[in-house]
N, C-alpha and C. Protein backbone atom coordinates (compact mmCIF):
# COMPACT_ATOMS: atom_id res chain seq x y z
N PRO A 1 -29.27 -24.45 -21.71
CA PRO A 1 -27.84 -24.64 -21.72
C PRO A 1 -27.42 -25.78 -20.81
N GLY A 2 -26.26 -26.33 -21.11
CA GLY A 2 -25.73 -27.41 -20.30
C GLY A 2 -25.21 -26.90 -18.97
N ASP A 3 -25.02 -27.79 -18.03
CA ASP A 3 -24.51 -27.47 -16.70
C ASP A 3 -23.10 -28.02 -16.59
N LEU A 4 -22.13 -27.13 -16.48
CA LEU A 4 -20.73 -27.54 -16.43
C LEU A 4 -20.16 -27.47 -15.03
N SER A 5 -21.00 -27.39 -14.02
CA SER A 5 -20.48 -27.26 -12.67
C SER A 5 -20.45 -28.60 -11.95
N GLY A 6 -19.55 -28.72 -11.01
CA GLY A 6 -19.48 -29.92 -10.19
C GLY A 6 -19.36 -31.18 -11.01
N ASN A 7 -20.13 -32.21 -10.65
CA ASN A 7 -20.10 -33.47 -11.36
C ASN A 7 -21.19 -33.57 -12.41
N ALA A 8 -22.04 -32.54 -12.53
CA ALA A 8 -23.19 -32.64 -13.42
C ALA A 8 -22.81 -32.27 -14.85
N LEU A 9 -22.93 -33.23 -15.74
CA LEU A 9 -22.77 -32.99 -17.17
C LEU A 9 -24.07 -33.39 -17.83
N THR A 10 -24.66 -32.49 -18.58
CA THR A 10 -25.95 -32.80 -19.18
C THR A 10 -25.77 -33.34 -20.58
N ASP A 11 -26.86 -33.81 -21.16
CA ASP A 11 -26.80 -34.34 -22.51
C ASP A 11 -26.74 -33.22 -23.55
N ASN A 12 -26.67 -31.96 -23.14
CA ASN A 12 -26.55 -30.86 -24.07
C ASN A 12 -25.12 -30.57 -24.46
N ASN A 13 -24.16 -31.24 -23.87
CA ASN A 13 -22.76 -31.00 -24.19
C ASN A 13 -22.49 -31.40 -25.63
N ILE A 14 -21.74 -30.56 -26.34
CA ILE A 14 -21.53 -30.84 -27.75
C ILE A 14 -20.07 -30.96 -28.14
N GLY A 15 -19.16 -30.89 -27.21
CA GLY A 15 -17.76 -31.01 -27.59
C GLY A 15 -16.92 -31.51 -26.45
N LEU A 16 -15.85 -32.22 -26.78
CA LEU A 16 -14.94 -32.75 -25.79
C LEU A 16 -13.53 -32.65 -26.35
N HIS A 17 -12.62 -32.19 -25.52
CA HIS A 17 -11.21 -32.16 -25.90
C HIS A 17 -10.41 -32.70 -24.72
N ILE A 18 -9.51 -33.62 -24.99
CA ILE A 18 -8.65 -34.18 -23.97
C ILE A 18 -7.27 -33.59 -24.17
N GLY A 19 -6.71 -33.00 -23.13
CA GLY A 19 -5.41 -32.35 -23.26
C GLY A 19 -4.49 -32.70 -22.11
N ASN A 20 -3.31 -32.12 -22.19
CA ASN A 20 -2.36 -32.20 -21.09
C ASN A 20 -2.03 -33.65 -20.72
N GLY A 21 -1.79 -34.47 -21.76
CA GLY A 21 -1.43 -35.85 -21.51
C GLY A 21 -2.53 -36.69 -20.90
N GLY A 22 -3.79 -36.33 -21.17
CA GLY A 22 -4.92 -37.08 -20.65
C GLY A 22 -5.33 -36.71 -19.24
N SER A 23 -4.70 -35.69 -18.67
CA SER A 23 -5.05 -35.30 -17.31
C SER A 23 -6.03 -34.13 -17.25
N THR A 24 -6.46 -33.63 -18.41
CA THR A 24 -7.42 -32.52 -18.45
C THR A 24 -8.48 -32.80 -19.51
N PHE A 25 -9.74 -32.67 -19.13
CA PHE A 25 -10.85 -32.78 -20.07
C PHE A 25 -11.50 -31.40 -20.17
N PHE A 26 -11.84 -31.01 -21.39
CA PHE A 26 -12.59 -29.78 -21.63
C PHE A 26 -13.90 -30.18 -22.29
N VAL A 27 -15.01 -29.63 -21.77
CA VAL A 27 -16.32 -29.95 -22.29
C VAL A 27 -16.97 -28.66 -22.77
N LEU A 28 -17.47 -28.68 -24.01
CA LEU A 28 -18.15 -27.53 -24.61
C LEU A 28 -19.64 -27.82 -24.59
N ASP A 29 -20.45 -26.88 -24.04
CA ASP A 29 -21.89 -27.10 -24.04
C ASP A 29 -22.55 -26.23 -25.11
N THR A 30 -23.86 -26.40 -25.28
CA THR A 30 -24.59 -25.72 -26.34
C THR A 30 -24.65 -24.21 -26.16
N ALA A 31 -24.37 -23.71 -24.98
CA ALA A 31 -24.38 -22.26 -24.75
C ALA A 31 -23.02 -21.64 -25.08
N GLY A 32 -22.05 -22.45 -25.46
CA GLY A 32 -20.73 -21.93 -25.77
C GLY A 32 -19.83 -21.79 -24.56
N ASP A 33 -20.20 -22.44 -23.46
CA ASP A 33 -19.36 -22.43 -22.26
C ASP A 33 -18.40 -23.61 -22.33
N ILE A 34 -17.17 -23.41 -21.89
CA ILE A 34 -16.19 -24.48 -21.84
C ILE A 34 -15.84 -24.74 -20.39
N GLY A 35 -16.03 -25.98 -19.97
CA GLY A 35 -15.69 -26.39 -18.61
C GLY A 35 -14.39 -27.17 -18.61
N LYS A 36 -13.59 -26.96 -17.57
CA LYS A 36 -12.32 -27.66 -17.44
C LYS A 36 -12.41 -28.62 -16.25
N PHE A 37 -12.02 -29.86 -16.49
CA PHE A 37 -12.04 -30.91 -15.49
C PHE A 37 -10.65 -31.54 -15.42
N ASN A 38 -10.17 -31.77 -14.22
CA ASN A 38 -8.86 -32.39 -14.03
C ASN A 38 -9.04 -33.85 -13.62
N LEU A 39 -8.11 -34.69 -14.07
CA LEU A 39 -8.11 -36.09 -13.72
C LEU A 39 -6.82 -36.38 -12.95
N SER A 40 -6.93 -36.94 -11.77
CA SER A 40 -5.72 -37.25 -11.00
C SER A 40 -4.97 -38.43 -11.61
N THR A 41 -5.68 -39.29 -12.32
CA THR A 41 -5.06 -40.37 -13.09
C THR A 41 -5.42 -40.13 -14.55
N PRO A 42 -4.42 -39.90 -15.43
CA PRO A 42 -4.72 -39.61 -16.83
C PRO A 42 -5.66 -40.64 -17.47
N TYR A 43 -6.63 -40.13 -18.21
CA TYR A 43 -7.62 -40.91 -18.96
C TYR A 43 -8.55 -41.74 -18.08
N ASP A 44 -8.58 -41.52 -16.78
CA ASP A 44 -9.48 -42.24 -15.88
C ASP A 44 -10.53 -41.27 -15.36
N ILE A 45 -11.72 -41.27 -16.00
CA ILE A 45 -12.73 -40.27 -15.66
C ILE A 45 -13.32 -40.47 -14.26
N SER A 46 -13.06 -41.61 -13.63
CA SER A 46 -13.55 -41.77 -12.25
C SER A 46 -12.76 -40.88 -11.29
N THR A 47 -11.62 -40.31 -11.74
CA THR A 47 -10.82 -39.42 -10.90
C THR A 47 -11.02 -37.96 -11.28
N MET A 48 -12.09 -37.67 -12.04
CA MET A 48 -12.33 -36.33 -12.57
C MET A 48 -12.86 -35.39 -11.50
N SER A 49 -12.33 -34.14 -11.51
CA SER A 49 -12.85 -33.10 -10.63
C SER A 49 -12.98 -31.80 -11.42
N TYR A 50 -14.03 -31.06 -11.12
CA TYR A 50 -14.31 -29.79 -11.80
C TYR A 50 -13.32 -28.73 -11.35
N GLU A 51 -12.79 -27.95 -12.31
CA GLU A 51 -11.90 -26.84 -11.96
C GLU A 51 -12.55 -25.49 -12.23
N THR A 52 -12.97 -25.24 -13.47
CA THR A 52 -13.50 -23.93 -13.81
C THR A 52 -14.26 -23.99 -15.13
N ARG A 53 -14.88 -22.88 -15.48
CA ARG A 53 -15.48 -22.76 -16.80
C ARG A 53 -15.28 -21.33 -17.28
N VAL A 54 -15.35 -21.18 -18.58
CA VAL A 54 -15.29 -19.86 -19.19
C VAL A 54 -16.52 -19.71 -20.07
N GLN A 55 -17.15 -18.54 -19.99
CA GLN A 55 -18.32 -18.24 -20.78
C GLN A 55 -17.93 -17.24 -21.85
N PHE A 56 -18.15 -17.60 -23.09
CA PHE A 56 -17.76 -16.73 -24.20
C PHE A 56 -18.88 -15.78 -24.62
N GLY A 57 -20.10 -16.01 -24.19
CA GLY A 57 -21.19 -15.10 -24.50
C GLY A 57 -21.74 -15.25 -25.90
N ASN A 58 -21.28 -16.25 -26.65
CA ASN A 58 -21.85 -16.53 -27.95
C ASN A 58 -21.79 -18.04 -28.18
N THR A 59 -22.51 -18.49 -29.17
CA THR A 59 -22.55 -19.91 -29.45
C THR A 59 -21.28 -20.35 -30.14
N ILE A 60 -20.61 -21.32 -29.56
CA ILE A 60 -19.41 -21.89 -30.15
C ILE A 60 -19.78 -23.28 -30.62
N ASP A 61 -19.45 -23.59 -31.87
CA ASP A 61 -19.78 -24.89 -32.43
C ASP A 61 -18.71 -25.93 -32.15
N SER A 62 -17.47 -25.48 -31.99
CA SER A 62 -16.37 -26.42 -31.76
C SER A 62 -15.19 -25.68 -31.16
N MET A 63 -14.27 -26.46 -30.58
CA MET A 63 -13.06 -25.88 -30.00
C MET A 63 -11.88 -26.80 -30.28
N HIS A 64 -10.70 -26.24 -30.25
CA HIS A 64 -9.47 -27.01 -30.40
C HIS A 64 -8.34 -26.25 -29.72
N PHE A 65 -7.42 -26.97 -29.12
CA PHE A 65 -6.24 -26.36 -28.50
C PHE A 65 -5.02 -26.63 -29.35
N SER A 66 -4.07 -25.68 -29.34
CA SER A 66 -2.78 -25.95 -29.97
C SER A 66 -2.12 -27.09 -29.20
N ARG A 67 -1.18 -27.72 -29.83
CA ARG A 67 -0.53 -28.89 -29.22
C ARG A 67 0.07 -28.57 -27.85
N ASP A 68 0.65 -27.36 -27.71
CA ASP A 68 1.27 -26.98 -26.44
C ASP A 68 0.28 -26.38 -25.45
N GLY A 69 -0.99 -26.23 -25.87
CA GLY A 69 -2.04 -25.75 -24.98
C GLY A 69 -2.04 -24.25 -24.72
N THR A 70 -1.25 -23.49 -25.46
CA THR A 70 -1.19 -22.04 -25.22
C THR A 70 -2.17 -21.24 -26.07
N LYS A 71 -2.84 -21.91 -27.03
CA LYS A 71 -3.85 -21.25 -27.85
C LYS A 71 -5.11 -22.10 -27.86
N LEU A 72 -6.24 -21.42 -27.81
CA LEU A 72 -7.55 -22.04 -27.92
C LEU A 72 -8.22 -21.47 -29.17
N PHE A 73 -8.74 -22.36 -30.00
CA PHE A 73 -9.44 -21.96 -31.22
C PHE A 73 -10.90 -22.32 -31.06
N THR A 74 -11.79 -21.38 -31.37
CA THR A 74 -13.22 -21.65 -31.33
C THR A 74 -13.81 -21.40 -32.71
N LEU A 75 -14.77 -22.24 -33.09
CA LEU A 75 -15.47 -22.12 -34.36
C LEU A 75 -16.90 -21.72 -34.07
N THR A 76 -17.34 -20.64 -34.70
CA THR A 76 -18.70 -20.14 -34.56
C THR A 76 -19.27 -19.93 -35.95
N SER A 77 -20.53 -20.28 -36.15
CA SER A 77 -21.12 -20.06 -37.47
C SER A 77 -22.50 -19.44 -37.36
N ASP A 78 -22.60 -18.41 -36.57
CA ASP A 78 -23.86 -17.69 -36.46
C ASP A 78 -24.25 -17.10 -37.81
N THR A 79 -25.53 -17.22 -38.16
CA THR A 79 -26.09 -16.65 -39.37
C THR A 79 -25.24 -16.98 -40.59
N ASP A 80 -24.90 -18.24 -40.74
CA ASP A 80 -24.17 -18.72 -41.90
C ASP A 80 -22.85 -17.99 -42.12
N ALA A 81 -22.23 -17.56 -41.04
CA ALA A 81 -20.95 -16.85 -41.13
C ALA A 81 -19.91 -17.58 -40.29
N PRO A 82 -19.27 -18.61 -40.86
CA PRO A 82 -18.29 -19.36 -40.07
C PRO A 82 -17.08 -18.50 -39.71
N THR A 83 -16.77 -18.47 -38.43
CA THR A 83 -15.68 -17.64 -37.92
C THR A 83 -14.83 -18.46 -36.97
N VAL A 84 -13.50 -18.35 -37.13
CA VAL A 84 -12.57 -18.96 -36.20
C VAL A 84 -11.95 -17.84 -35.38
N THR A 85 -12.01 -18.00 -34.05
CA THR A 85 -11.41 -17.04 -33.14
C THR A 85 -10.25 -17.72 -32.43
N THR A 86 -9.12 -17.02 -32.39
CA THR A 86 -7.95 -17.53 -31.70
C THR A 86 -7.80 -16.78 -30.39
N HIS A 87 -7.62 -17.56 -29.31
CA HIS A 87 -7.43 -17.01 -27.97
C HIS A 87 -6.07 -17.44 -27.46
N SER A 88 -5.35 -16.52 -26.84
CA SER A 88 -4.10 -16.83 -26.17
C SER A 88 -4.43 -17.20 -24.73
N LEU A 89 -3.74 -18.22 -24.21
CA LEU A 89 -3.95 -18.64 -22.83
C LEU A 89 -2.71 -18.28 -22.01
N SER A 90 -2.92 -17.83 -20.79
CA SER A 90 -1.81 -17.35 -19.95
C SER A 90 -0.84 -18.47 -19.57
N ALA A 91 -1.32 -19.70 -19.52
CA ALA A 91 -0.50 -20.88 -19.24
C ALA A 91 -1.11 -22.03 -20.04
N PRO A 92 -0.35 -23.07 -20.32
CA PRO A 92 -0.90 -24.18 -21.10
C PRO A 92 -2.19 -24.74 -20.50
N PHE A 93 -3.22 -24.80 -21.33
CA PHE A 93 -4.54 -25.36 -20.99
C PHE A 93 -5.24 -24.62 -19.85
N ASP A 94 -4.85 -23.37 -19.58
CA ASP A 94 -5.49 -22.55 -18.54
C ASP A 94 -6.53 -21.66 -19.21
N ILE A 95 -7.80 -22.03 -19.09
CA ILE A 95 -8.87 -21.27 -19.75
C ILE A 95 -9.46 -20.18 -18.88
N SER A 96 -8.88 -19.92 -17.73
CA SER A 96 -9.47 -18.98 -16.78
C SER A 96 -9.55 -17.55 -17.31
N SER A 97 -8.63 -17.15 -18.16
CA SER A 97 -8.66 -15.77 -18.69
C SER A 97 -8.11 -15.73 -20.12
N PRO A 98 -8.89 -16.27 -21.08
CA PRO A 98 -8.43 -16.25 -22.47
C PRO A 98 -8.42 -14.83 -23.03
N THR A 99 -7.42 -14.55 -23.87
CA THR A 99 -7.32 -13.25 -24.53
C THR A 99 -7.47 -13.46 -26.03
N GLN A 100 -8.46 -12.78 -26.62
CA GLN A 100 -8.67 -12.93 -28.06
C GLN A 100 -7.51 -12.30 -28.82
N ILE A 101 -6.91 -13.09 -29.71
CA ILE A 101 -5.82 -12.59 -30.56
C ILE A 101 -6.38 -12.04 -31.86
N HIS A 102 -7.20 -12.85 -32.55
CA HIS A 102 -7.84 -12.39 -33.78
C HIS A 102 -8.99 -13.31 -34.15
N GLN A 103 -9.79 -12.82 -35.11
CA GLN A 103 -10.90 -13.57 -35.67
C GLN A 103 -10.74 -13.61 -37.17
N VAL A 104 -11.11 -14.75 -37.75
CA VAL A 104 -11.05 -14.90 -39.20
C VAL A 104 -12.41 -15.35 -39.70
N ASP A 105 -13.00 -14.55 -40.58
CA ASP A 105 -14.25 -14.92 -41.24
C ASP A 105 -13.90 -15.90 -42.35
N LEU A 106 -14.34 -17.14 -42.22
CA LEU A 106 -13.95 -18.17 -43.18
C LEU A 106 -14.59 -17.99 -44.56
N ASP A 107 -15.64 -17.16 -44.66
CA ASP A 107 -16.16 -16.83 -45.99
C ASP A 107 -15.07 -16.19 -46.84
N THR A 108 -14.21 -15.39 -46.21
CA THR A 108 -13.13 -14.72 -46.95
C THR A 108 -11.99 -15.68 -47.28
N LYS A 109 -12.02 -16.88 -46.70
CA LYS A 109 -10.98 -17.88 -46.93
C LYS A 109 -11.45 -19.00 -47.86
N GLY A 110 -12.65 -18.87 -48.43
CA GLY A 110 -13.08 -19.83 -49.43
C GLY A 110 -14.13 -20.84 -49.01
N ILE A 111 -14.67 -20.73 -47.79
CA ILE A 111 -15.79 -21.60 -47.43
C ILE A 111 -17.02 -21.04 -48.09
N ILE A 112 -17.72 -21.90 -48.81
CA ILE A 112 -18.89 -21.46 -49.56
C ILE A 112 -20.13 -21.81 -48.77
N VAL A 113 -20.85 -20.78 -48.34
CA VAL A 113 -22.11 -20.98 -47.64
C VAL A 113 -23.18 -21.16 -48.70
N SER A 114 -24.04 -22.16 -48.54
CA SER A 114 -25.02 -22.49 -49.57
C SER A 114 -26.10 -21.42 -49.68
N ALA A 115 -26.70 -21.36 -50.85
CA ALA A 115 -27.79 -20.41 -51.08
C ALA A 115 -29.00 -20.77 -50.22
N ALA A 116 -29.14 -22.04 -49.87
CA ALA A 116 -30.26 -22.49 -49.04
C ALA A 116 -30.10 -22.04 -47.59
N SER A 117 -28.93 -21.55 -47.24
CA SER A 117 -28.64 -21.07 -45.89
C SER A 117 -28.63 -22.22 -44.88
N HIS A 118 -28.56 -21.89 -43.62
CA HIS A 118 -28.54 -22.85 -42.52
C HIS A 118 -27.28 -23.70 -42.48
N ASP A 119 -26.18 -23.20 -43.04
CA ASP A 119 -24.91 -23.90 -42.93
C ASP A 119 -24.33 -23.65 -41.56
N GLN A 120 -23.79 -24.69 -40.97
CA GLN A 120 -23.26 -24.57 -39.62
C GLN A 120 -21.92 -25.28 -39.54
N GLY A 121 -21.00 -24.64 -38.82
CA GLY A 121 -19.73 -25.27 -38.54
C GLY A 121 -19.91 -26.29 -37.45
N PHE A 122 -19.39 -27.50 -37.66
CA PHE A 122 -19.54 -28.56 -36.67
C PHE A 122 -18.24 -28.93 -35.98
N ASP A 123 -17.11 -28.72 -36.64
CA ASP A 123 -15.86 -29.11 -36.00
C ASP A 123 -14.69 -28.37 -36.61
N ILE A 124 -13.69 -28.13 -35.77
CA ILE A 124 -12.41 -27.56 -36.19
C ILE A 124 -11.32 -28.48 -35.65
N GLU A 125 -10.38 -28.82 -36.50
CA GLU A 125 -9.26 -29.68 -36.12
C GLU A 125 -8.00 -29.17 -36.81
N PHE A 126 -6.87 -29.49 -36.22
CA PHE A 126 -5.57 -29.16 -36.80
C PHE A 126 -4.74 -30.43 -36.87
N ASN A 127 -3.77 -30.45 -37.79
CA ASN A 127 -2.82 -31.56 -37.76
C ASN A 127 -1.86 -31.31 -36.59
N PRO A 128 -1.04 -32.29 -36.22
CA PRO A 128 -0.23 -32.17 -34.99
C PRO A 128 0.69 -30.94 -34.91
N ASP A 129 1.25 -30.49 -36.05
CA ASP A 129 2.16 -29.34 -35.95
C ASP A 129 1.47 -28.00 -36.23
N GLY A 130 0.16 -28.02 -36.52
CA GLY A 130 -0.58 -26.78 -36.74
C GLY A 130 -0.39 -26.16 -38.11
N SER A 131 0.14 -26.91 -39.07
CA SER A 131 0.34 -26.38 -40.42
C SER A 131 -0.88 -26.59 -41.32
N ALA A 132 -1.86 -27.33 -40.83
CA ALA A 132 -3.10 -27.55 -41.59
C ALA A 132 -4.29 -27.48 -40.64
N MET A 133 -5.38 -26.93 -41.15
CA MET A 133 -6.62 -26.79 -40.38
C MET A 133 -7.74 -27.42 -41.20
N PHE A 134 -8.67 -28.08 -40.51
CA PHE A 134 -9.81 -28.72 -41.15
C PHE A 134 -11.08 -28.21 -40.49
N ILE A 135 -12.07 -27.84 -41.31
CA ILE A 135 -13.34 -27.33 -40.82
C ILE A 135 -14.45 -28.18 -41.44
N MET A 136 -15.32 -28.73 -40.59
CA MET A 136 -16.47 -29.48 -41.09
C MET A 136 -17.68 -28.57 -41.05
N MET A 137 -18.31 -28.41 -42.21
CA MET A 137 -19.52 -27.60 -42.35
C MET A 137 -20.64 -28.51 -42.82
N ALA A 138 -21.85 -28.29 -42.30
CA ALA A 138 -23.01 -29.07 -42.73
C ALA A 138 -24.22 -28.16 -42.76
N ASN A 139 -25.15 -28.49 -43.65
CA ASN A 139 -26.39 -27.74 -43.76
C ASN A 139 -27.43 -28.41 -42.88
N THR A 140 -28.03 -27.65 -41.97
CA THR A 140 -28.97 -28.21 -41.01
C THR A 140 -30.37 -28.42 -41.60
N ASN A 141 -30.62 -27.94 -42.84
CA ASN A 141 -31.94 -28.10 -43.46
C ASN A 141 -31.97 -29.13 -44.58
N THR A 142 -30.84 -29.60 -45.02
CA THR A 142 -30.80 -30.51 -46.15
C THR A 142 -29.67 -31.51 -45.97
N ALA A 143 -29.76 -32.58 -46.68
CA ALA A 143 -28.69 -33.59 -46.63
C ALA A 143 -27.53 -33.20 -47.55
N ASN A 144 -27.69 -32.11 -48.28
CA ASN A 144 -26.64 -31.65 -49.20
C ASN A 144 -25.76 -30.61 -48.51
N ASN A 145 -24.72 -30.19 -49.18
CA ASN A 145 -23.83 -29.13 -48.72
C ASN A 145 -23.13 -29.48 -47.41
N ASN A 146 -22.60 -30.68 -47.32
CA ASN A 146 -21.85 -31.13 -46.16
C ASN A 146 -20.41 -31.39 -46.59
N PHE A 147 -19.49 -30.56 -46.10
CA PHE A 147 -18.12 -30.60 -46.59
C PHE A 147 -17.11 -30.54 -45.44
N VAL A 148 -15.95 -31.12 -45.67
CA VAL A 148 -14.78 -30.89 -44.83
C VAL A 148 -13.84 -30.05 -45.67
N TYR A 149 -13.48 -28.87 -45.16
CA TYR A 149 -12.56 -27.97 -45.84
C TYR A 149 -11.17 -28.13 -45.25
N GLN A 150 -10.17 -28.12 -46.12
CA GLN A 150 -8.78 -28.19 -45.67
C GLN A 150 -8.09 -26.87 -46.00
N PHE A 151 -7.34 -26.37 -45.03
CA PHE A 151 -6.58 -25.12 -45.18
C PHE A 151 -5.12 -25.38 -44.84
N SER A 152 -4.25 -24.75 -45.58
CA SER A 152 -2.82 -24.74 -45.26
C SER A 152 -2.53 -23.46 -44.49
N LEU A 153 -1.73 -23.57 -43.42
CA LEU A 153 -1.36 -22.40 -42.63
C LEU A 153 0.13 -22.16 -42.81
N SER A 154 0.50 -21.01 -43.37
CA SER A 154 1.93 -20.74 -43.61
C SER A 154 2.69 -20.51 -42.31
N THR A 155 1.99 -20.09 -41.26
CA THR A 155 2.56 -20.03 -39.91
C THR A 155 1.73 -20.95 -39.05
N ASN A 156 2.38 -21.93 -38.42
CA ASN A 156 1.67 -22.93 -37.64
C ASN A 156 0.75 -22.31 -36.61
N TYR A 157 -0.47 -22.80 -36.57
CA TYR A 157 -1.53 -22.36 -35.65
C TYR A 157 -1.90 -20.88 -35.81
N ASP A 158 -1.56 -20.27 -36.93
CA ASP A 158 -1.96 -18.89 -37.20
C ASP A 158 -3.04 -18.91 -38.28
N VAL A 159 -4.30 -18.88 -37.85
CA VAL A 159 -5.43 -19.01 -38.76
C VAL A 159 -5.51 -17.86 -39.75
N SER A 160 -4.93 -16.71 -39.40
CA SER A 160 -4.96 -15.58 -40.34
C SER A 160 -4.16 -15.87 -41.60
N THR A 161 -3.29 -16.88 -41.57
CA THR A 161 -2.49 -17.24 -42.75
C THR A 161 -3.12 -18.38 -43.55
N ALA A 162 -4.36 -18.73 -43.23
CA ALA A 162 -5.03 -19.88 -43.87
C ALA A 162 -5.30 -19.63 -45.35
N VAL A 163 -4.99 -20.66 -46.13
CA VAL A 163 -5.30 -20.68 -47.57
C VAL A 163 -6.01 -21.99 -47.85
N LYS A 164 -7.18 -21.90 -48.50
CA LYS A 164 -7.96 -23.12 -48.77
C LYS A 164 -7.21 -24.01 -49.75
N VAL A 165 -7.06 -25.29 -49.36
CA VAL A 165 -6.44 -26.29 -50.22
C VAL A 165 -7.52 -26.99 -51.04
N GLY A 166 -8.65 -27.26 -50.42
CA GLY A 166 -9.74 -27.94 -51.10
C GLY A 166 -10.84 -28.30 -50.12
N ARG A 167 -11.80 -29.05 -50.64
CA ARG A 167 -12.87 -29.53 -49.78
C ARG A 167 -13.27 -30.93 -50.21
N TRP A 168 -13.77 -31.67 -49.26
CA TRP A 168 -14.21 -33.04 -49.49
C TRP A 168 -15.70 -33.10 -49.24
N ASP A 169 -16.44 -33.63 -50.20
CA ASP A 169 -17.89 -33.71 -50.13
C ASP A 169 -18.28 -34.97 -49.36
N MET A 170 -18.78 -34.80 -48.15
CA MET A 170 -19.19 -35.93 -47.32
C MET A 170 -20.41 -36.65 -47.88
N ASN A 171 -21.23 -35.96 -48.67
CA ASN A 171 -22.44 -36.56 -49.23
C ASN A 171 -22.11 -37.73 -50.14
N ASP A 172 -21.05 -37.61 -50.94
CA ASP A 172 -20.70 -38.68 -51.86
C ASP A 172 -20.40 -39.98 -51.13
N VAL A 173 -19.74 -39.89 -50.02
CA VAL A 173 -19.37 -41.08 -49.26
C VAL A 173 -20.57 -41.67 -48.53
N PHE A 174 -21.29 -40.84 -47.80
CA PHE A 174 -22.37 -41.35 -46.96
C PHE A 174 -23.59 -41.79 -47.75
N GLN A 175 -23.86 -41.16 -48.88
CA GLN A 175 -25.03 -41.55 -49.67
C GLN A 175 -24.78 -42.81 -50.49
N ASN A 176 -23.52 -43.16 -50.73
CA ASN A 176 -23.20 -44.32 -51.54
C ASN A 176 -22.74 -45.51 -50.71
N ARG A 177 -22.98 -45.48 -49.42
CA ARG A 177 -22.61 -46.58 -48.52
C ARG A 177 -23.76 -47.56 -48.37
N ASP A 178 -23.43 -48.80 -48.17
CA ASP A 178 -24.46 -49.83 -47.90
C ASP A 178 -24.90 -49.76 -46.47
């Protein structure tokens, strides 16, 4: 696992989110731990200092915060079961004590896990107002079955209201490029 303490960041880190007007960096490592770092000058990493980390106890593939920083979304795809978990935060961008609100199994929302298995969620993103969610899934054993799924959310940032709009096949673009 990566080391999220002090100034040490290892090459095992797999996610980065910049929040709070560029004054907060969040780093996700391969163990599913999220570290919070503060910057005294926004977007200037030479002013970065470690604040805290939260351990979720499971592998998280990606994370995203609501625009106001009061919700944290994590994407997990253990055993080909992509799941989005929504956490409420006690204050904007305060990860010290997240409270799980709900979990949504994306198989029930129209993400198709391939018969070859080994599908993994790589990223979760939202549009600025939280009315749309995007999930990138890729197969770790083959160059096929790599998609970006789009979902419409009838209630902004409420993943339980997600309805699949469609999916985009990344293979068509990347395989046909020079």
